[in-house]
Every structure is written in structure tokens, then in C-alpha cells.
């Protein structure tokens, strides 16, 4: 669980250059689903793809990043 908790913390603090270097936590709620998955619920749907690109640009060792409407799931 420590790995997914660390990932949750890192994603929450991740800065988004395209949104004035605000953080993911300013635009979304990040929730641990289980020991290998997170859900990122975007508060303003029009920012979803910007947030997804920002997460994908990081080297978190993720297996899958999937977006559906305003929810991004990240699996490690």
C-alpha cells in the first residue's frame, strides 16, 4: 500500500504547466482504489486531457493510464 500511497501524494503535488503551474490537487480529487490503482476525479472536465498529458509525461512506472470522461484511472 505504501507504493500506491506515495503515488497518490506525488500526483496530488504534480504541477501542471499548462494551467499556470497549479497542482493536480487544485483541479482534481485523487483517491486510492486498491493497492495498485488510483482514481483521479477531475473537477472541471475541460481540463481532463491536460491533466492526463501531465501525468503521462511523468515516469511513475505505471502500467496503465485510462481516461473516461472526467475520471482518470492509474494502475501500477
PDB file of N, CA and C in Angstrom:
ATOM      1  N   UNK A   1       0.818  -1.199   0.000  1.00  0.00           N
ATOM      2  CA  UNK A   1       0.000   0.000   0.000  1.00  0.00           C
ATOM      3  C   UNK A   1       0.864   1.266   0.000  1.00  0.00           C
ATOM      4  N   UNK A   2       2.091   1.149   0.488  1.00  0.00           N
ATOM      5  CA  UNK A   2       2.947   2.332   0.543  1.00  0.00           C
ATOM      6  C   UNK A   2       3.228   2.887  -0.852  1.00  0.00           C
ATOM      7  N   UNK A   3       3.431   2.010  -1.823  1.00  0.00           N
ATOM      8  CA  UNK A   3       3.743   2.460  -3.184  1.00  0.00           C
ATOM      9  C   UNK A   3       2.587   3.271  -3.755  1.00  0.00           C
ATOM     10  N   UNK A   4       1.366   2.771  -3.630  1.00  0.00           N
ATOM     11  CA  UNK A   4       0.209   3.497  -4.179  1.00  0.00           C
ATOM     12  C   UNK A   4      -0.046   4.780  -3.397  1.00  0.00           C
ATOM     13  N   UNK A   5       0.211   4.763  -2.090  1.00  0.00           N
ATOM     14  CA  UNK A   5       0.047   5.984  -1.286  1.00  0.00           C
ATOM     15  C   UNK A   5       1.064   7.046  -1.683  1.00  0.00           C
ATOM     16  N   UNK A   6       2.293   6.613  -1.956  1.00  0.00           N
ATOM     17  CA  UNK A   6       3.326   7.551  -2.425  1.00  0.00           C
ATOM     18  C   UNK A   6       2.944   8.132  -3.787  1.00  0.00           C
ATOM     19  N   UNK A   7       2.422   7.280  -4.665  1.00  0.00           N
ATOM     20  CA  UNK A   7       1.977   7.753  -5.976  1.00  0.00           C
ATOM     21  C   UNK A   7       0.846   8.766  -5.830  1.00  0.00           C
ATOM     22  N   UNK A   8      -0.094   8.490  -4.936  1.00  0.00           N
ATOM     23  CA  UNK A   8      -1.192   9.428  -4.688  1.00  0.00           C
ATOM     24  C   UNK A   8      -0.647  10.794  -4.255  1.00  0.00           C
ATOM     25  N   UNK A   9       0.291  10.785  -3.334  1.00  0.00           N
ATOM     26  CA  UNK A   9       0.895  12.028  -2.848  1.00  0.00           C
ATOM     27  C   UNK A   9       1.621  12.765  -3.973  1.00  0.00           C
ATOM     28  N   UNK A  10       2.385  12.017  -4.774  1.00  0.00           N
ATOM     29  CA  UNK A  10       3.129  12.636  -5.882  1.00  0.00           C
ATOM     30  C   UNK A  10       2.208  13.240  -6.929  1.00  0.00           C
ATOM     31  N   UNK A  11       1.148  12.532  -7.274  1.00  0.00           N
ATOM     32  CA  UNK A  11       0.217  13.060  -8.276  1.00  0.00           C
ATOM     33  C   UNK A  11      -0.509  14.280  -7.737  1.00  0.00           C
ATOM     34  N   UNK A  12      -0.932  14.263  -6.487  1.00  0.00           N
ATOM     35  CA  UNK A  12      -1.588  15.428  -5.896  1.00  0.00           C
ATOM     36  C   UNK A  12      -0.710  16.675  -5.992  1.00  0.00           C
ATOM     37  N   UNK A  13       0.585  16.517  -5.798  1.00  0.00           N
ATOM     38  CA  UNK A  13       1.516  17.656  -5.782  1.00  0.00           C
ATOM     39  C   UNK A  13       2.065  18.020  -7.161  1.00  0.00           C
ATOM     40  N   UNK A  14       1.749  17.211  -8.177  1.00  0.00           N
ATOM     41  CA  UNK A  14       2.276  17.436  -9.520  1.00  0.00           C
ATOM     42  C   UNK A  14       1.784  18.767 -10.096  1.00  0.00           C
ATOM     43  N   UNK A  15       2.723  19.572 -10.582  1.00  0.00           N
ATOM     44  CA  UNK A  15       2.385  20.859 -11.178  1.00  0.00           C
ATOM     45  C   UNK A  15       2.006  20.690 -12.641  1.00  0.00           C
ATOM     46  N   UNK A  16       1.042  21.498 -13.075  1.00  0.00           N
ATOM     47  CA  UNK A  16       0.544  21.448 -14.452  1.00  0.00           C
ATOM     48  C   UNK A  16       0.952  22.744 -15.155  1.00  0.00           C
ATOM     49  N   UNK A  17       2.009  22.712 -15.955  1.00  0.00           N
ATOM     50  CA  UNK A  17       2.478  23.930 -16.616  1.00  0.00           C
ATOM     51  C   UNK A  17       1.394  24.630 -17.439  1.00  0.00           C
ATOM     52  N   UNK A  18       0.561  23.853 -18.143  1.00  0.00           N
ATOM     53  CA  UNK A  18      -0.479  24.441 -19.000  1.00  0.00           C
ATOM     54  C   UNK A  18      -1.580  25.154 -18.214  1.00  0.00           C
ATOM     55  N   UNK A  19      -1.621  24.908 -16.914  1.00  0.00           N
ATOM     56  CA  UNK A  19      -2.628  25.557 -16.065  1.00  0.00           C
ATOM     57  C   UNK A  19      -1.952  26.446 -15.021  1.00  0.00           C
ATOM     58  N   UNK A  20      -0.930  27.153 -15.461  1.00  0.00           N
ATOM     59  CA  UNK A  20      -0.263  28.128 -14.600  1.00  0.00           C
ATOM     60  C   UNK A  20       0.506  27.522 -13.442  1.00  0.00           C
ATOM     61  N   UNK A  21       0.994  26.304 -13.615  1.00  0.00           N
ATOM     62  CA  UNK A  21       1.755  25.603 -12.592  1.00  0.00           C
ATOM     63  C   UNK A  21       0.953  25.350 -11.316  1.00  0.00           C
ATOM     64  N   UNK A  22      -0.361  25.316 -11.453  1.00  0.00           N
ATOM     65  CA  UNK A  22      -1.176  24.866 -10.328  1.00  0.00           C
ATOM     66  C   UNK A  22      -0.965  23.356 -10.203  1.00  0.00           C
ATOM     67  N   UNK A  23      -1.432  22.771  -9.110  1.00  0.00           N
ATOM     68  CA  UNK A  23      -1.208  21.342  -8.894  1.00  0.00           C
ATOM     69  C   UNK A  23      -2.446  20.527  -9.261  1.00  0.00           C
ATOM     70  N   UNK A  24      -2.236  19.234  -9.419  1.00  0.00           N
ATOM     71  CA  UNK A  24      -3.351  18.329  -9.696  1.00  0.00           C
ATOM     72  C   UNK A  24      -4.421  18.487  -8.617  1.00  0.00           C
ATOM     73  N   UNK A  25      -4.005  18.603  -7.364  1.00  0.00           N
ATOM     74  CA  UNK A  25      -4.983  18.703  -6.272  1.00  0.00           C
ATOM     75  C   UNK A  25      -5.838  19.968  -6.357  1.00  0.00           C
ATOM     76  N   UNK A  26      -5.397  20.958  -7.116  1.00  0.00           N
ATOM     77  CA  UNK A  26      -6.217  22.157  -7.339  1.00  0.00           C
ATOM     78  C   UNK A  26      -7.356  21.888  -8.321  1.00  0.00           C
ATOM     79  N   UNK A  27      -7.222  20.828  -9.113  1.00  0.00           N
ATOM     80  CA  UNK A  27      -8.170  20.568 -10.197  1.00  0.00           C
ATOM     81  C   UNK A  27      -8.852  19.207 -10.120  1.00  0.00           C
ATOM     82  N   UNK A  28      -8.450  18.380  -9.162  1.00  0.00           N
ATOM     83  CA  UNK A  28      -8.983  17.019  -9.104  1.00  0.00           C
ATOM     84  C   UNK A  28      -8.875  16.454  -7.698  1.00  0.00           C
ATOM     85  N   UNK A  29      -9.645  15.404  -7.465  1.00  0.00           N
ATOM     86  CA  UNK A  29      -9.544  14.640  -6.218  1.00  0.00           C
ATOM     87  C   UNK A  29      -8.919  13.297  -6.569  1.00  0.00           C
ATOM     88  N   UNK A  30      -7.850  12.943  -5.870  1.00  0.00           N
ATOM     89  CA  UNK A  30      -7.144  11.691  -6.134  1.00  0.00           C
ATOM     90  C   UNK A  30      -7.482  10.713  -5.012  1.00  0.00           C
ATOM     91  N   UNK A  31      -7.937   9.515  -5.389  1.00  0.00           N
ATOM     92  CA  UNK A  31      -8.362   8.515  -4.411  1.00  0.00           C
ATOM     93  C   UNK A  31      -7.693   7.177  -4.694  1.00  0.00           C
ATOM     94  N   UNK A  32      -7.196   6.543  -3.639  1.00  0.00           N
ATOM     95  CA  UNK A  32      -6.673   5.186  -3.755  1.00  0.00           C
ATOM     96  C   UNK A  32      -7.860   4.241  -3.848  1.00  0.00           C
ATOM     97  N   UNK A  33      -7.876   3.401  -4.885  1.00  0.00           N
ATOM     98  CA  UNK A  33      -8.937   2.408  -5.048  1.00  0.00           C
ATOM     99  C   UNK A  33      -8.560   1.078  -4.403  1.00  0.00           C
ATOM    100  N   UNK A  34      -7.317   0.671  -4.616  1.00  0.00           N
ATOM    101  CA  UNK A  34      -6.790  -0.549  -4.005  1.00  0.00           C
ATOM    102  C   UNK A  34      -5.266  -0.456  -4.036  1.00  0.00           C
ATOM    103  N   UNK A  35      -4.582  -1.540  -3.767  1.00  0.00           N
ATOM    104  CA  UNK A  35      -3.121  -1.476  -3.639  1.00  0.00           C
ATOM    105  C   UNK A  35      -2.398  -1.212  -4.956  1.00  0.00           C
ATOM    106  N   UNK A  36      -3.129  -1.239  -6.093  1.00  0.00           N
ATOM    107  CA  UNK A  36      -2.469  -0.998  -7.381  1.00  0.00           C
ATOM    108  C   UNK A  36      -3.146   0.064  -8.245  1.00  0.00           C
ATOM    109  N   UNK A  37      -4.221   0.679  -7.751  1.00  0.00           N
ATOM    110  CA  UNK A  37      -4.973   1.618  -8.604  1.00  0.00           C
ATOM    111  C   UNK A  37      -5.390   2.890  -7.884  1.00  0.00           C
ATOM    112  N   UNK A  38      -5.390   3.969  -8.668  1.00  0.00           N
ATOM    113  CA  UNK A  38      -5.874   5.279  -8.216  1.00  0.00           C
ATOM    114  C   UNK A  38      -6.973   5.744  -9.152  1.00  0.00           C
ATOM    115  N   UNK A  39      -7.887   6.532  -8.618  1.00  0.00           N
ATOM    116  CA  UNK A  39      -8.853   7.243  -9.454  1.00  0.00           C
ATOM    117  C   UNK A  39      -8.610   8.726  -9.250  1.00  0.00           C
ATOM    118  N   UNK A  40      -8.574   9.454 -10.344  1.00  0.00           N
ATOM    119  CA  UNK A  40      -8.400  10.902 -10.306  1.00  0.00           C
ATOM    120  C   UNK A  40      -9.671  11.490 -10.898  1.00  0.00           C
ATOM    121  N   UNK A  41     -10.464  12.122 -10.048  1.00  0.00           N
ATOM    122  CA  UNK A  41     -11.746  12.688 -10.469  1.00  0.00           C
ATOM    123  C   UNK A  41     -11.525  14.166 -10.757  1.00  0.00           C
ATOM    124  N   UNK A  42     -11.695  14.539 -12.016  1.00  0.00           N
ATOM    125  CA  UNK A  42     -11.435  15.900 -12.463  1.00  0.00           C
ATOM    126  C   UNK A  42     -12.632  16.782 -12.097  1.00  0.00           C
ATOM    127  N   UNK A  43     -12.360  17.916 -11.476  1.00  0.00           N
ATOM    128  CA  UNK A  43     -13.426  18.811 -11.050  1.00  0.00           C
ATOM    129  C   UNK A  43     -13.999  19.621 -12.211  1.00  0.00           C
ATOM    130  N   UNK A  44     -13.168  19.988 -13.159  1.00  0.00           N
ATOM    131  CA  UNK A  44     -13.596  20.723 -14.352  1.00  0.00           C
ATOM    132  C   UNK A  44     -13.222  19.877 -15.560  1.00  0.00           C
ATOM    133  N   UNK A  45     -14.203  19.235 -16.167  1.00  0.00           N
ATOM    134  CA  UNK A  45     -13.963  18.271 -17.226  1.00  0.00           C
ATOM    135  C   UNK A  45     -13.127  18.768 -18.385  1.00  0.00           C
ATOM    136  N   UNK A  46     -13.199  20.066 -18.693  1.00  0.00           N
ATOM    137  CA  UNK A  46     -12.422  20.565 -19.835  1.00  0.00           C
ATOM    138  C   UNK A  46     -10.915  20.501 -19.592  1.00  0.00           C
ATOM    139  N   UNK A  47     -10.481  20.263 -18.345  1.00  0.00           N
ATOM    140  CA  UNK A  47      -9.052  20.127 -18.042  1.00  0.00           C
ATOM    141  C   UNK A  47      -8.582  18.678 -18.044  1.00  0.00           C
ATOM    142  N   UNK A  48      -9.471  17.734 -18.279  1.00  0.00           N
ATOM    143  CA  UNK A  48      -9.136  16.315 -18.143  1.00  0.00           C
ATOM    144  C   UNK A  48      -7.956  15.895 -19.018  1.00  0.00           C
ATOM    145  N   UNK A  49      -7.945  16.289 -20.273  1.00  0.00           N
ATOM    146  CA  UNK A  49      -6.869  15.857 -21.168  1.00  0.00           C
ATOM    147  C   UNK A  49      -5.541  16.541 -20.844  1.00  0.00           C
ATOM    148  N   UNK A  50      -5.601  17.758 -20.353  1.00  0.00           N
ATOM    149  CA  UNK A  50      -4.368  18.444 -19.919  1.00  0.00           C
ATOM    150  C   UNK A  50      -3.778  17.704 -18.732  1.00  0.00           C
ATOM    151  N   UNK A  51      -4.609  17.337 -17.785  1.00  0.00           N
ATOM    152  CA  UNK A  51      -4.151  16.611 -16.598  1.00  0.00           C
ATOM    153  C   UNK A  51      -3.628  15.230 -16.994  1.00  0.00           C
ATOM    154  N   UNK A  52      -4.324  14.564 -17.882  1.00  0.00           N
ATOM    155  CA  UNK A  52      -3.866  13.251 -18.347  1.00  0.00           C
ATOM    156  C   UNK A  52      -2.484  13.360 -18.987  1.00  0.00           C
ATOM    157  N   UNK A  53      -2.284  14.330 -19.871  1.00  0.00           N
ATOM    158  CA  UNK A  53      -0.972  14.514 -20.519  1.00  0.00           C
ATOM    159  C   UNK A  53       0.128  14.769 -19.495  1.00  0.00           C
ATOM    160  N   UNK A  54      -0.194  15.565 -18.486  1.00  0.00           N
ATOM    161  CA  UNK A  54       0.794  15.887 -17.456  1.00  0.00           C
ATOM    162  C   UNK A  54       1.199  14.638 -16.685  1.00  0.00           C
ATOM    163  N   UNK A  55       0.223  13.804 -16.348  1.00  0.00           N
ATOM    164  CA  UNK A  55       0.524  12.557 -15.626  1.00  0.00           C
ATOM    165  C   UNK A  55       1.323  11.607 -16.516  1.00  0.00           C
ATOM    166  N   UNK A  56       0.918  11.473 -17.763  1.00  0.00           N
ATOM    167  CA  UNK A  56       1.628  10.574 -18.696  1.00  0.00           C
ATOM    168  C   UNK A  56       3.084  10.992 -18.908  1.00  0.00           C
ATOM    169  N   UNK A  57       3.375  12.277 -18.789  1.00  0.00           N
ATOM    170  CA  UNK A  57       4.736  12.783 -19.010  1.00  0.00           C
ATOM    171  C   UNK A  57       5.688  12.404 -17.869  1.00  0.00           C
ATOM    172  N   UNK A  58       5.140  11.942 -16.752  1.00  0.00           N
ATOM    173  CA  UNK A  58       5.963  11.571 -15.608  1.00  0.00           C
ATOM    174  C   UNK A  58       6.411  10.119 -15.729  1.00  0.00           C
ATOM    175  N   UNK A  59       7.472   9.787 -15.024  1.00  0.00           N
ATOM    176  CA  UNK A  59       7.981   8.413 -15.022  1.00  0.00           C
ATOM    177  C   UNK A  59       7.619   7.754 -13.688  1.00  0.00           C
ATOM    178  N   UNK A  60       6.348   7.395 -13.553  1.00  0.00           N
ATOM    179  CA  UNK A  60       5.873   6.785 -12.312  1.00  0.00           C
ATOM    180  C   UNK A  60       5.892   5.262 -12.362  1.00  0.00           C
ATOM    181  N   UNK A  61       6.289   4.682 -13.458  1.00  0.00           N
ATOM    182  CA  UNK A  61       6.296   3.232 -13.574  1.00  0.00           C
ATOM    183  C   UNK A  61       4.889   2.651 -13.641  1.00  0.00           C
ATOM    184  N   UNK A  62       3.983   3.402 -14.223  1.00  0.00           N
ATOM    185  CA  UNK A  62       2.601   2.940 -14.311  1.00  0.00           C
ATOM    186  C   UNK A  62       2.442   1.910 -15.423  1.00  0.00           C
ATOM    187  N   UNK A  63       1.482   1.023 -15.231  1.00  0.00           N
ATOM    188  CA  UNK A  63       1.166   0.018 -16.240  1.00  0.00           C
ATOM    189  C   UNK A  63       0.122   0.568 -17.202  1.00  0.00           C
ATOM    190  N   UNK A  64      -0.847   1.298 -16.651  1.00  0.00           N
ATOM    191  CA  UNK A  64      -1.949   1.788 -17.479  1.00  0.00           C
ATOM    192  C   UNK A  64      -2.468   3.113 -16.944  1.00  0.00           C
ATOM    193  N   UNK A  65      -2.759   4.015 -17.855  1.00  0.00           N
ATOM    194  CA  UNK A  65      -3.452   5.264 -17.538  1.00  0.00           C
ATOM    195  C   UNK A  65      -4.635   5.321 -18.494  1.00  0.00           C
ATOM    196  N   UNK A  66      -5.821   5.361 -17.932  1.00  0.00           N
ATOM    197  CA  UNK A  66      -7.040   5.321 -18.734  1.00  0.00           C
ATOM    198  C   UNK A  66      -7.927   6.504 -18.355  1.00  0.00           C
ATOM    199  N   UNK A  67      -8.512   7.143 -19.351  1.00  0.00           N
ATOM    200  CA  UNK A  67      -9.409   8.271 -19.088  1.00  0.00           C
ATOM    201  C   UNK A  67     -10.786   7.948 -19.645  1.00  0.00           C
ATOM    202  N   UNK A  68     -11.793   8.250 -18.868  1.00  0.00           N
ATOM    203  CA  UNK A  68     -13.185   8.120 -19.288  1.00  0.00           C
ATOM    204  C   UNK A  68     -13.940   9.328 -18.738  1.00  0.00           C
ATOM    205  N   UNK A  69     -14.323  10.209 -19.625  1.00  0.00           N
ATOM    206  CA  UNK A  69     -14.995  11.455 -19.268  1.00  0.00           C
ATOM    207  C   UNK A  69     -14.159  12.234 -18.266  1.00  0.00           C
ATOM    208  N   UNK A  70     -14.599  12.362 -17.022  1.00  0.00           N
ATOM    209  CA  UNK A  70     -13.898  13.179 -16.025  1.00  0.00           C
ATOM    210  C   UNK A  70     -13.116  12.345 -15.012  1.00  0.00           C
ATOM    211  N   UNK A  71     -12.869  11.084 -15.328  1.00  0.00           N
ATOM    212  CA  UNK A  71     -12.157  10.210 -14.386  1.00  0.00           C
ATOM    213  C   UNK A  71     -10.962   9.573 -15.096  1.00  0.00           C
ATOM    214  N   UNK A  72      -9.814   9.690 -14.447  1.00  0.00           N
ATOM    215  CA  UNK A  72      -8.602   9.048 -14.931  1.00  0.00           C
ATOM    216  C   UNK A  72      -8.261   7.939 -13.932  1.00  0.00           C
ATOM    217  N   UNK A  73      -8.006   6.747 -14.427  1.00  0.00           N
ATOM    218  CA  UNK A  73      -7.532   5.674 -13.546  1.00  0.00           C
ATOM    219  C   UNK A  73      -6.082   5.391 -13.878  1.00  0.00           C
ATOM    220  N   UNK A  74      -5.310   5.187 -12.832  1.00  0.00           N
ATOM    221  CA  UNK A  74      -3.886   4.906 -12.972  1.00  0.00           C
ATOM    222  C   UNK A  74      -3.622   3.577 -12.273  1.00  0.00           C
ATOM    223  N   UNK A  75      -3.001   2.662 -12.980  1.00  0.00           N
ATOM    224  CA  UNK A  75      -2.661   1.356 -12.423  1.00  0.00           C
ATOM    225  C   UNK A  75      -1.157   1.172 -12.448  1.00  0.00           C
ATOM    226  N   UNK A  76      -0.633   0.672 -11.328  1.00  0.00           N
ATOM    227  CA  UNK A  76       0.805   0.399 -11.254  1.00  0.00           C
ATOM    228  C   UNK A  76       1.031  -1.098 -11.234  1.00  0.00           C
TER     229      UNK A  76
END
